[in-house]
C-alpha atoms as a PDB file:
ATOM      1  CA  MET A   1     113.592  90.139 123.515  1.00  0.00           C
ATOM      2  CA  LEU A   2     109.998  91.144 124.173  1.00  0.00           C
ATOM      3  CA  VAL A   3     109.533  94.916 124.296  1.00  0.00           C
ATOM      4  CA  VAL A   4     106.675  96.907 125.832  1.00  0.00           C
ATOM      5  CA  ASN A   5     105.720 100.152 124.122  1.00  0.00           C
ATOM      6  CA  GLU A   6     104.906 102.193 127.222  1.00  0.00           C
ATOM      7  CA  ASP A   7     103.103 104.828 125.174  1.00  0.00           C
ATOM      8  CA  ARG A   8     100.597 102.206 123.986  1.00  0.00           C
ATOM      9  CA  CYS A   9     100.286  99.987 127.073  1.00  0.00           C
ATOM     10  CA  VAL A  10      97.056 100.629 128.979  1.00  0.00           C
ATOM     11  CA  GLY A  11      97.951  98.349 131.905  1.00  0.00           C
ATOM     12  CA  CYS A  12      94.943  96.064 131.396  1.00  0.00           C
ATOM     13  CA  GLY A  13      96.911  92.926 132.342  1.00  0.00           C
ATOM     14  CA  LEU A  14      95.377  90.758 129.631  1.00  0.00           C
ATOM     15  CA  CYS A  15      98.826  89.691 128.444  1.00  0.00           C
ATOM     16  CA  VAL A  16      99.655  88.513 131.971  1.00  0.00           C
ATOM     17  CA  SER A  17      96.709  86.113 131.918  1.00  0.00           C
ATOM     18  CA  PHE A  18      97.959  84.350 128.794  1.00  0.00           C
ATOM     19  CA  CYS A  19     101.707  84.202 129.484  1.00  0.00           C
ATOM     20  CA  PRO A  20     102.587  80.507 129.958  1.00  0.00           C
ATOM     21  CA  THR A  21     105.860  81.274 131.760  1.00  0.00           C
ATOM     22  CA  GLU A  22     104.518  84.013 134.054  1.00  0.00           C
ATOM     23  CA  ALA A  23     107.126  86.399 132.646  1.00  0.00           C
ATOM     24  CA  LEU A  24     104.747  89.363 132.538  1.00  0.00           C
ATOM     25  CA  LYS A  25     103.504  91.539 135.366  1.00  0.00           C
ATOM     26  CA  ALA A  26     101.187  94.514 135.073  1.00  0.00           C
ATOM     27  CA  TRP A  27     100.941  97.228 137.679  1.00  0.00           C
ATOM     28  CA  GLY A  28     100.132 100.361 135.763  1.00  0.00           C
ATOM     29  CA  LEU A  29     102.213  99.190 132.808  1.00  0.00           C
ATOM     30  CA  CYS A  30     103.256  95.762 131.625  1.00  0.00           C
ATOM     31  CA  HIS A  31     106.736  94.653 132.685  1.00  0.00           C
ATOM     32  CA  VAL A  32     108.698  91.718 131.258  1.00  0.00           C
ATOM     33  CA  ASP A  33     111.010  89.461 133.235  1.00  0.00           C
ATOM     34  CA  PRO A  34     113.594  88.591 130.557  1.00  0.00           C
ATOM     35  CA  ASP A  35     114.833  85.608 132.577  1.00  0.00           C
ATOM     36  CA  ARG A  36     111.389  83.975 132.399  1.00  0.00           C
ATOM     37  CA  CYS A  37     110.303  85.028 128.906  1.00  0.00           C
ATOM     38  CA  ASN A  38     110.813  82.268 126.326  1.00  0.00           C
ATOM     39  CA  GLU A  39     109.684  84.510 123.440  1.00  0.00           C
ATOM     40  CA  CYS A  40     106.666  82.359 122.596  1.00  0.00           C
ATOM     41  CA  LEU A  41     104.788  85.535 121.516  1.00  0.00           C
ATOM     42  CA  VAL A  42     101.422  84.408 122.914  1.00  0.00           C
ATOM     43  CA  CYS A  43     101.092  87.723 124.751  1.00  0.00           C
ATOM     44  CA  ILE A  44     101.402  89.706 121.530  1.00  0.00           C
ATOM     45  CA  ASP A  45      98.260  88.041 120.172  1.00  0.00           C
ATOM     46  CA  TYR A  46      96.221  89.028 123.234  1.00  0.00           C
ATOM     47  CA  CYS A  47      97.377  92.630 123.735  1.00  0.00           C
ATOM     48  CA  PRO A  48      94.406  94.834 122.807  1.00  0.00           C
ATOM     49  CA  ALA A  49      96.601  97.938 122.641  1.00  0.00           C
ATOM     50  CA  ASP A  50      99.227  96.406 120.319  1.00  0.00           C
ATOM     51  CA  ALA A  51     101.850  97.421 122.886  1.00  0.00           C
ATOM     52  CA  LEU A  52     104.034  94.296 122.718  1.00  0.00           C
ATOM     53  CA  SER A  53     106.598  93.451 120.066  1.00  0.00           C
ATOM     54  CA  MET A  54     109.889  91.683 119.561  1.00  0.00           C
ATOM     55  CA  GLY A  55     112.944  93.869 119.968  1.00  0.00           C
ATOM     56  CA  GLU A  56     115.838  94.038 117.518  1.00  0.00           C
ATOM     57  CA  GLU A  57     118.065  91.835 119.699  1.00  0.00           C
ATOM     58  CA  ALA A  58     115.769  88.834 119.200  1.00  0.00           C
ATOM     59  CA  ARG A  59     115.575  89.280 115.430  1.00  0.00           C
ATOM     60  CA  ARG A  60     119.303  88.859 114.885  1.00  0.00           C
END
């Protein structure tokens, strides 16, 4: 599962622009719709604040 580190997120919305499934929304902070996220990790590459990561649930 994609996780947003709210302490790092600056709400720039760059990740939203690159999400192919439109699973991300940014209004102040980035929010993930887990039903739409396919864990492609494209957003992680474009986050300038390094605020996105994969949670433990997805690594199992």
